[in-house]
């Protein structure tokens, strides 16, 4: 009897490559929405901090002028509304929604991709009342 020669195959078969592509596609389909949601949540913190900073500037302004300001420029911002975090990476517009001598309300309105965030617009008033246009107040305002 003669010896049987075994040949070795170099590389992958088409089926093995297709299985690998399908596995990568499934993992991507699972991971991408989770990652996008994480990004939206990270921008919320910037909005909350900016709203609270604007409210504290209003409080400081009130102590020296005995009234609240309706102008962000008066409070030290460079524009009205102010893009957050800056004009290049723009996720929220920070503005004073109402102000008079005895009360104020400030807001951070989502723009761009942030519009799809479940919390929507963040609001804060001189009485310390926090608000969101949609979603749960407790989950949206947690930091």
N, C-alpha and C. Protein backbone atom coordinates (compact mmCIF):
# COMPACT_ATOMS: atom_id res chain seq x y z
N UNK A 1 0.82 -1.16 0.00
CA UNK A 1 0.00 0.00 0.00
C UNK A 1 0.87 1.23 0.00
N UNK A 2 0.33 2.21 -0.65
CA UNK A 2 1.06 3.46 -0.75
C UNK A 2 0.65 4.43 0.34
N UNK A 3 1.49 5.35 0.62
CA UNK A 3 1.21 6.37 1.63
C UNK A 3 0.26 7.42 1.06
N UNK A 4 -0.65 7.85 1.90
CA UNK A 4 -1.59 8.89 1.49
C UNK A 4 -0.97 10.24 1.86
N UNK A 5 -0.89 11.08 0.91
CA UNK A 5 -0.30 12.40 1.15
C UNK A 5 -1.38 13.35 1.62
N UNK A 6 -1.15 13.99 2.73
CA UNK A 6 -2.07 14.98 3.26
C UNK A 6 -1.57 16.36 2.87
N UNK A 7 -2.45 17.15 2.34
CA UNK A 7 -2.06 18.51 2.00
C UNK A 7 -2.66 19.45 3.04
N UNK A 8 -1.92 20.43 3.43
CA UNK A 8 -2.44 21.40 4.40
C UNK A 8 -2.98 22.60 3.64
N UNK A 9 -4.04 23.14 4.21
CA UNK A 9 -4.69 24.29 3.59
C UNK A 9 -4.24 25.55 4.32
N UNK A 10 -3.80 26.51 3.56
CA UNK A 10 -3.42 27.81 4.15
C UNK A 10 -4.58 28.78 4.00
N UNK A 11 -4.92 29.51 5.07
CA UNK A 11 -5.98 30.50 5.00
C UNK A 11 -7.29 29.98 5.55
N UNK A 12 -8.35 30.75 5.26
CA UNK A 12 -9.67 30.43 5.77
C UNK A 12 -10.59 30.11 4.61
N UNK A 13 -11.57 29.31 4.89
CA UNK A 13 -12.57 29.03 3.87
C UNK A 13 -13.58 30.17 3.84
N UNK A 14 -14.34 30.24 2.79
CA UNK A 14 -15.34 31.29 2.63
C UNK A 14 -16.39 31.23 3.74
N UNK A 15 -16.77 30.06 4.15
CA UNK A 15 -17.77 29.91 5.22
C UNK A 15 -17.21 30.43 6.54
N UNK A 16 -15.97 30.15 6.84
CA UNK A 16 -15.35 30.65 8.07
C UNK A 16 -15.30 32.17 8.07
N UNK A 17 -14.97 32.77 6.94
CA UNK A 17 -14.95 34.23 6.84
C UNK A 17 -16.35 34.82 7.01
N UNK A 18 -17.35 34.20 6.41
CA UNK A 18 -18.72 34.69 6.55
C UNK A 18 -19.19 34.60 7.99
N UNK A 19 -18.86 33.53 8.67
CA UNK A 19 -19.24 33.39 10.08
C UNK A 19 -18.58 34.49 10.92
N UNK A 20 -17.33 34.77 10.65
CA UNK A 20 -16.63 35.83 11.39
C UNK A 20 -17.27 37.19 11.12
N UNK A 21 -17.65 37.47 9.88
CA UNK A 21 -18.29 38.75 9.53
C UNK A 21 -19.65 38.86 10.21
N UNK A 22 -20.40 37.79 10.25
CA UNK A 22 -21.72 37.80 10.91
C UNK A 22 -21.56 38.05 12.41
N UNK A 23 -20.58 37.43 13.03
CA UNK A 23 -20.35 37.64 14.46
C UNK A 23 -19.98 39.09 14.74
N UNK A 24 -19.11 39.67 13.94
CA UNK A 24 -18.72 41.08 14.10
C UNK A 24 -19.94 41.99 13.90
N UNK A 25 -20.77 41.70 12.92
CA UNK A 25 -21.97 42.51 12.67
C UNK A 25 -22.94 42.45 13.84
N UNK A 26 -23.13 41.28 14.42
CA UNK A 26 -24.02 41.14 15.58
C UNK A 26 -23.47 41.91 16.78
N UNK A 27 -22.19 41.79 17.04
CA UNK A 27 -21.59 42.52 18.15
C UNK A 27 -21.69 44.03 17.94
N UNK A 28 -21.50 44.48 16.73
CA UNK A 28 -21.63 45.91 16.42
C UNK A 28 -23.06 46.38 16.62
N UNK A 29 -24.01 45.60 16.18
CA UNK A 29 -25.43 45.96 16.32
C UNK A 29 -25.83 46.06 17.79
N UNK A 30 -25.20 45.29 18.63
CA UNK A 30 -25.50 45.34 20.07
C UNK A 30 -24.76 46.49 20.74
N UNK A 31 -23.50 46.69 20.40
CA UNK A 31 -22.66 47.67 21.10
C UNK A 31 -22.91 49.11 20.66
N UNK A 32 -23.20 49.36 19.41
CA UNK A 32 -23.31 50.73 18.91
C UNK A 32 -24.43 51.53 19.59
N UNK A 33 -25.66 51.03 19.71
CA UNK A 33 -26.68 51.81 20.40
C UNK A 33 -26.33 52.09 21.87
N UNK A 34 -25.71 51.14 22.52
CA UNK A 34 -25.30 51.34 23.91
C UNK A 34 -24.25 52.45 24.00
N UNK A 35 -23.32 52.46 23.09
CA UNK A 35 -22.28 53.49 23.07
C UNK A 35 -22.89 54.86 22.77
N UNK A 36 -23.81 54.93 21.83
CA UNK A 36 -24.45 56.20 21.51
C UNK A 36 -25.25 56.74 22.69
N UNK A 37 -25.91 55.87 23.43
CA UNK A 37 -26.64 56.29 24.62
C UNK A 37 -25.69 56.80 25.70
N UNK A 38 -24.55 56.17 25.84
CA UNK A 38 -23.53 56.61 26.79
C UNK A 38 -23.03 58.02 26.43
N UNK A 39 -22.83 58.28 25.17
CA UNK A 39 -22.37 59.60 24.72
C UNK A 39 -23.42 60.67 25.05
N UNK A 40 -24.69 60.38 24.78
CA UNK A 40 -25.77 61.33 25.10
C UNK A 40 -25.79 61.62 26.59
N UNK A 41 -25.64 60.59 27.41
CA UNK A 41 -25.64 60.78 28.86
C UNK A 41 -24.45 61.62 29.31
N UNK A 42 -23.31 61.46 28.69
CA UNK A 42 -22.13 62.24 29.10
C UNK A 42 -22.33 63.72 28.81
N UNK A 43 -23.05 64.04 27.75
CA UNK A 43 -23.30 65.45 27.44
C UNK A 43 -24.31 66.08 28.41
N UNK A 44 -25.14 65.26 29.03
CA UNK A 44 -26.10 65.78 30.02
C UNK A 44 -25.38 66.46 31.18
N UNK A 45 -24.28 65.89 31.61
CA UNK A 45 -23.53 66.45 32.73
C UNK A 45 -23.06 67.87 32.40
N UNK A 46 -22.62 68.08 31.16
CA UNK A 46 -22.20 69.42 30.75
C UNK A 46 -23.37 70.39 30.83
N UNK A 47 -24.55 69.95 30.39
CA UNK A 47 -25.73 70.81 30.43
C UNK A 47 -26.12 71.15 31.86
N UNK A 48 -26.11 70.16 32.74
CA UNK A 48 -26.48 70.39 34.14
C UNK A 48 -25.50 71.37 34.78
N UNK A 49 -24.22 71.15 34.59
CA UNK A 49 -23.22 72.05 35.18
C UNK A 49 -23.35 73.47 34.64
N UNK A 50 -23.63 73.59 33.35
CA UNK A 50 -23.77 74.92 32.76
C UNK A 50 -25.01 75.64 33.28
N UNK A 51 -26.12 74.92 33.43
CA UNK A 51 -27.35 75.52 33.95
C UNK A 51 -27.13 75.99 35.39
N UNK A 52 -26.48 75.17 36.19
CA UNK A 52 -26.22 75.55 37.59
C UNK A 52 -25.23 76.72 37.68
N UNK A 53 -24.25 76.76 36.78
CA UNK A 53 -23.32 77.89 36.75
C UNK A 53 -24.04 79.18 36.37
N UNK A 54 -24.91 79.11 35.37
CA UNK A 54 -25.68 80.29 34.98
C UNK A 54 -26.58 80.76 36.13
N UNK A 55 -27.19 79.83 36.83
CA UNK A 55 -28.04 80.19 37.97
C UNK A 55 -27.22 80.86 39.08
N UNK A 56 -26.00 80.37 39.31
CA UNK A 56 -25.17 81.01 40.35
C UNK A 56 -24.72 82.40 39.91
N UNK A 57 -24.48 82.59 38.61
CA UNK A 57 -24.15 83.94 38.13
C UNK A 57 -25.33 84.89 38.30
N UNK A 58 -26.55 84.38 38.07
CA UNK A 58 -27.74 85.20 38.31
C UNK A 58 -27.84 85.59 39.78
N UNK A 59 -27.56 84.65 40.66
CA UNK A 59 -27.63 84.93 42.10
C UNK A 59 -26.60 85.99 42.50
N UNK A 60 -25.37 85.88 41.97
CA UNK A 60 -24.34 86.89 42.26
C UNK A 60 -24.75 88.26 41.72
N UNK A 61 -25.32 88.27 40.52
CA UNK A 61 -25.77 89.52 39.92
C UNK A 61 -26.86 90.16 40.78
N UNK A 62 -27.75 89.33 41.30
CA UNK A 62 -28.85 89.84 42.13
C UNK A 62 -28.33 90.49 43.41
N UNK A 63 -27.27 89.93 44.00
CA UNK A 63 -26.76 90.50 45.26
C UNK A 63 -26.21 91.90 45.08
N UNK A 64 -25.72 92.23 43.90
CA UNK A 64 -25.17 93.58 43.70
C UNK A 64 -26.14 94.52 43.01
N UNK A 65 -27.13 94.01 42.29
CA UNK A 65 -28.04 94.87 41.53
C UNK A 65 -29.49 94.81 41.99
N UNK A 66 -29.80 93.94 42.91
CA UNK A 66 -31.15 93.78 43.45
C UNK A 66 -32.19 93.44 42.39
N UNK A 67 -31.73 92.81 41.32
CA UNK A 67 -32.63 92.29 40.28
C UNK A 67 -31.84 91.26 39.47
N UNK A 68 -32.56 90.41 38.74
CA UNK A 68 -31.91 89.41 37.90
C UNK A 68 -31.70 89.96 36.50
N UNK A 69 -30.70 89.46 35.82
CA UNK A 69 -30.38 89.92 34.48
C UNK A 69 -31.07 89.06 33.43
N UNK A 70 -31.52 89.70 32.36
CA UNK A 70 -32.12 88.98 31.23
C UNK A 70 -31.10 88.78 30.11
N UNK A 71 -29.87 89.27 30.32
CA UNK A 71 -28.84 89.18 29.30
C UNK A 71 -27.69 88.30 29.75
N UNK A 72 -27.35 87.33 28.93
CA UNK A 72 -26.21 86.46 29.25
C UNK A 72 -24.90 87.25 29.13
N UNK A 73 -24.89 88.24 28.27
CA UNK A 73 -23.68 89.05 28.10
C UNK A 73 -23.35 89.79 29.39
N UNK A 74 -24.37 90.27 30.10
CA UNK A 74 -24.18 90.95 31.38
C UNK A 74 -23.59 90.01 32.42
N UNK A 75 -23.90 88.73 32.30
CA UNK A 75 -23.43 87.74 33.27
C UNK A 75 -22.07 87.16 32.91
N UNK A 76 -21.43 87.67 31.86
CA UNK A 76 -20.08 87.24 31.51
C UNK A 76 -19.96 86.21 30.41
N UNK A 77 -21.06 85.91 29.74
CA UNK A 77 -20.99 84.98 28.61
C UNK A 77 -20.70 85.75 27.33
N UNK A 78 -20.15 85.05 26.35
CA UNK A 78 -19.74 85.73 25.11
C UNK A 78 -20.86 85.83 24.08
N UNK A 79 -21.93 85.07 24.25
CA UNK A 79 -23.04 85.13 23.30
C UNK A 79 -24.34 84.76 24.00
N UNK A 80 -25.43 85.11 23.36
CA UNK A 80 -26.75 84.80 23.91
C UNK A 80 -27.62 84.25 22.79
N UNK A 81 -27.94 82.96 22.75
CA UNK A 81 -27.58 81.91 23.69
C UNK A 81 -26.13 81.47 23.52
N UNK A 82 -25.62 80.78 24.52
CA UNK A 82 -24.25 80.29 24.51
C UNK A 82 -24.23 78.81 24.13
N UNK A 83 -23.46 78.43 23.10
CA UNK A 83 -23.37 77.01 22.75
C UNK A 83 -22.54 76.23 23.76
N UNK A 84 -23.00 75.03 24.09
CA UNK A 84 -22.25 74.17 25.03
C UNK A 84 -21.72 72.96 24.31
N UNK A 85 -20.51 72.56 24.56
CA UNK A 85 -19.48 73.24 25.32
C UNK A 85 -18.84 74.39 24.56
N UNK A 86 -18.86 74.34 23.22
CA UNK A 86 -18.36 75.46 22.42
C UNK A 86 -19.00 75.38 21.04
N UNK A 87 -18.67 76.31 20.18
CA UNK A 87 -19.31 76.36 18.87
C UNK A 87 -18.93 75.17 17.99
N UNK A 88 -17.78 74.55 18.23
CA UNK A 88 -17.35 73.42 17.40
C UNK A 88 -18.08 72.15 17.79
N UNK A 89 -18.05 71.80 19.06
CA UNK A 89 -18.76 70.63 19.58
C UNK A 89 -20.01 71.15 20.28
N UNK A 90 -21.09 71.23 19.55
CA UNK A 90 -22.27 71.94 20.02
C UNK A 90 -23.37 70.93 20.37
N UNK A 91 -23.71 70.80 21.67
CA UNK A 91 -24.71 69.84 22.12
C UNK A 91 -25.93 70.50 22.75
N UNK A 92 -25.75 71.66 23.36
CA UNK A 92 -26.84 72.38 24.01
C UNK A 92 -26.68 73.87 23.77
N UNK A 93 -27.81 74.59 23.77
CA UNK A 93 -27.80 76.06 23.78
C UNK A 93 -28.24 76.50 25.17
N UNK A 94 -27.38 77.21 25.86
CA UNK A 94 -27.66 77.72 27.20
C UNK A 94 -28.23 79.13 27.08
N UNK A 95 -29.37 79.39 27.74
CA UNK A 95 -29.98 80.71 27.64
C UNK A 95 -30.83 81.00 28.88
N UNK A 96 -31.19 82.26 29.00
CA UNK A 96 -32.11 82.70 30.06
C UNK A 96 -33.49 82.71 29.42
N UNK A 97 -34.37 81.85 29.89
CA UNK A 97 -35.70 81.77 29.28
C UNK A 97 -36.62 82.89 29.77
N UNK A 98 -36.42 83.33 31.00
CA UNK A 98 -37.17 84.49 31.51
C UNK A 98 -36.42 85.08 32.70
N UNK A 99 -36.50 86.38 32.80
CA UNK A 99 -35.89 87.08 33.94
C UNK A 99 -36.57 88.41 34.13
N UNK A 100 -36.86 88.72 35.38
CA UNK A 100 -37.36 90.05 35.73
C UNK A 100 -36.70 90.43 37.04
N UNK A 101 -37.15 91.44 37.66
CA UNK A 101 -36.51 91.90 38.88
C UNK A 101 -36.48 90.89 40.00
N UNK A 102 -37.49 90.03 40.09
CA UNK A 102 -37.58 89.15 41.25
C UNK A 102 -37.48 87.66 40.95
N UNK A 103 -37.37 87.24 39.70
CA UNK A 103 -37.27 85.82 39.40
C UNK A 103 -36.53 85.59 38.08
N UNK A 104 -36.06 84.36 37.89
CA UNK A 104 -35.43 84.00 36.63
C UNK A 104 -35.64 82.52 36.36
N UNK A 105 -35.48 82.15 35.13
CA UNK A 105 -35.50 80.76 34.71
C UNK A 105 -34.48 80.61 33.59
N UNK A 106 -33.62 79.61 33.71
CA UNK A 106 -32.60 79.37 32.71
C UNK A 106 -32.82 77.99 32.10
N UNK A 107 -32.26 77.78 30.92
CA UNK A 107 -32.48 76.51 30.25
C UNK A 107 -31.29 76.12 29.38
N UNK A 108 -31.16 74.81 29.16
CA UNK A 108 -30.20 74.25 28.21
C UNK A 108 -31.01 73.41 27.23
N UNK A 109 -31.06 73.88 25.98
CA UNK A 109 -31.87 73.23 24.95
C UNK A 109 -30.95 72.36 24.09
N UNK A 110 -31.28 71.07 23.92
CA UNK A 110 -30.43 70.19 23.12
C UNK A 110 -30.46 70.57 21.64
N UNK A 111 -29.32 70.41 20.96
CA UNK A 111 -29.22 70.65 19.52
C UNK A 111 -28.45 69.50 18.89
N UNK A 112 -28.55 69.38 17.59
CA UNK A 112 -27.80 68.34 16.86
C UNK A 112 -28.23 66.95 17.28
N UNK A 113 -27.25 66.06 17.44
CA UNK A 113 -27.54 64.67 17.83
C UNK A 113 -28.14 64.58 19.22
N UNK A 114 -27.90 65.58 20.06
CA UNK A 114 -28.39 65.56 21.44
C UNK A 114 -29.91 65.67 21.50
N UNK A 115 -30.55 66.11 20.41
CA UNK A 115 -32.01 66.23 20.38
C UNK A 115 -32.67 64.87 20.63
N UNK A 116 -32.01 63.79 20.25
CA UNK A 116 -32.59 62.46 20.45
C UNK A 116 -32.46 61.95 21.89
N UNK A 117 -31.83 62.74 22.76
CA UNK A 117 -31.69 62.34 24.17
C UNK A 117 -33.06 62.33 24.84
N UNK A 118 -33.26 61.40 25.74
CA UNK A 118 -34.57 61.22 26.38
C UNK A 118 -34.92 62.32 27.37
N UNK A 119 -33.96 63.12 27.82
CA UNK A 119 -34.25 64.15 28.82
C UNK A 119 -34.71 65.48 28.21
N UNK A 120 -34.31 65.77 27.01
CA UNK A 120 -34.74 67.01 26.37
C UNK A 120 -34.10 68.24 26.99
N UNK A 121 -34.89 69.29 27.19
CA UNK A 121 -34.42 70.58 27.69
C UNK A 121 -34.33 70.56 29.21
N UNK A 122 -33.21 71.05 29.74
CA UNK A 122 -33.02 71.22 31.19
C UNK A 122 -33.41 72.63 31.57
N UNK A 123 -34.14 72.77 32.68
CA UNK A 123 -34.51 74.10 33.17
C UNK A 123 -34.18 74.20 34.66
N UNK A 124 -33.99 75.44 35.10
CA UNK A 124 -33.71 75.71 36.52
C UNK A 124 -34.22 77.12 36.82
N UNK A 125 -34.84 77.29 37.98
CA UNK A 125 -35.39 78.60 38.34
C UNK A 125 -34.72 79.15 39.59
N UNK A 126 -35.05 80.40 39.89
CA UNK A 126 -34.49 81.05 41.07
C UNK A 126 -34.93 80.38 42.37
N UNK A 127 -36.01 79.64 42.34
CA UNK A 127 -36.48 78.92 43.53
C UNK A 127 -35.81 77.55 43.68
N UNK A 128 -34.89 77.22 42.77
CA UNK A 128 -34.21 75.94 42.82
C UNK A 128 -35.01 74.81 42.22
N UNK A 129 -36.02 75.14 41.44
CA UNK A 129 -36.86 74.12 40.81
C UNK A 129 -36.17 73.64 39.54
N UNK A 130 -35.88 72.34 39.53
CA UNK A 130 -35.23 71.72 38.37
C UNK A 130 -36.31 71.11 37.48
N UNK A 131 -36.05 71.08 36.19
CA UNK A 131 -37.01 70.49 35.28
C UNK A 131 -36.36 69.93 34.03
N UNK A 132 -37.08 69.04 33.37
CA UNK A 132 -36.70 68.50 32.07
C UNK A 132 -37.96 68.48 31.22
N UNK A 133 -37.80 68.61 29.92
CA UNK A 133 -38.98 68.64 29.05
C UNK A 133 -39.55 67.24 28.80
N UNK A 134 -38.73 66.20 29.01
CA UNK A 134 -39.22 64.83 28.88
C UNK A 134 -38.33 63.94 29.74
N UNK A 135 -38.76 62.75 29.98
CA UNK A 135 -37.97 61.83 30.80
C UNK A 135 -38.22 62.03 32.28
N UNK A 136 -37.53 61.22 33.06
CA UNK A 136 -37.66 61.25 34.51
C UNK A 136 -36.74 62.32 35.10
N UNK A 137 -37.31 63.16 35.94
CA UNK A 137 -36.53 64.23 36.57
C UNK A 137 -35.37 63.67 37.40
N UNK A 138 -35.63 62.63 38.17
CA UNK A 138 -34.58 62.09 39.03
C UNK A 138 -33.46 61.42 38.23
N UNK A 139 -33.79 60.73 37.16
CA UNK A 139 -32.72 60.08 36.39
C UNK A 139 -31.99 61.08 35.49
N UNK A 140 -32.67 62.11 35.02
CA UNK A 140 -32.02 63.09 34.14
C UNK A 140 -31.11 64.03 34.91
N UNK A 141 -31.46 64.40 36.13
CA UNK A 141 -30.64 65.36 36.89
C UNK A 141 -29.55 64.70 37.72
N UNK A 142 -29.46 63.37 37.74
CA UNK A 142 -28.37 62.75 38.50
C UNK A 142 -27.07 62.97 37.76
N UNK A 143 -26.03 63.13 38.52
CA UNK A 143 -24.71 63.39 37.91
C UNK A 143 -23.75 62.30 38.26
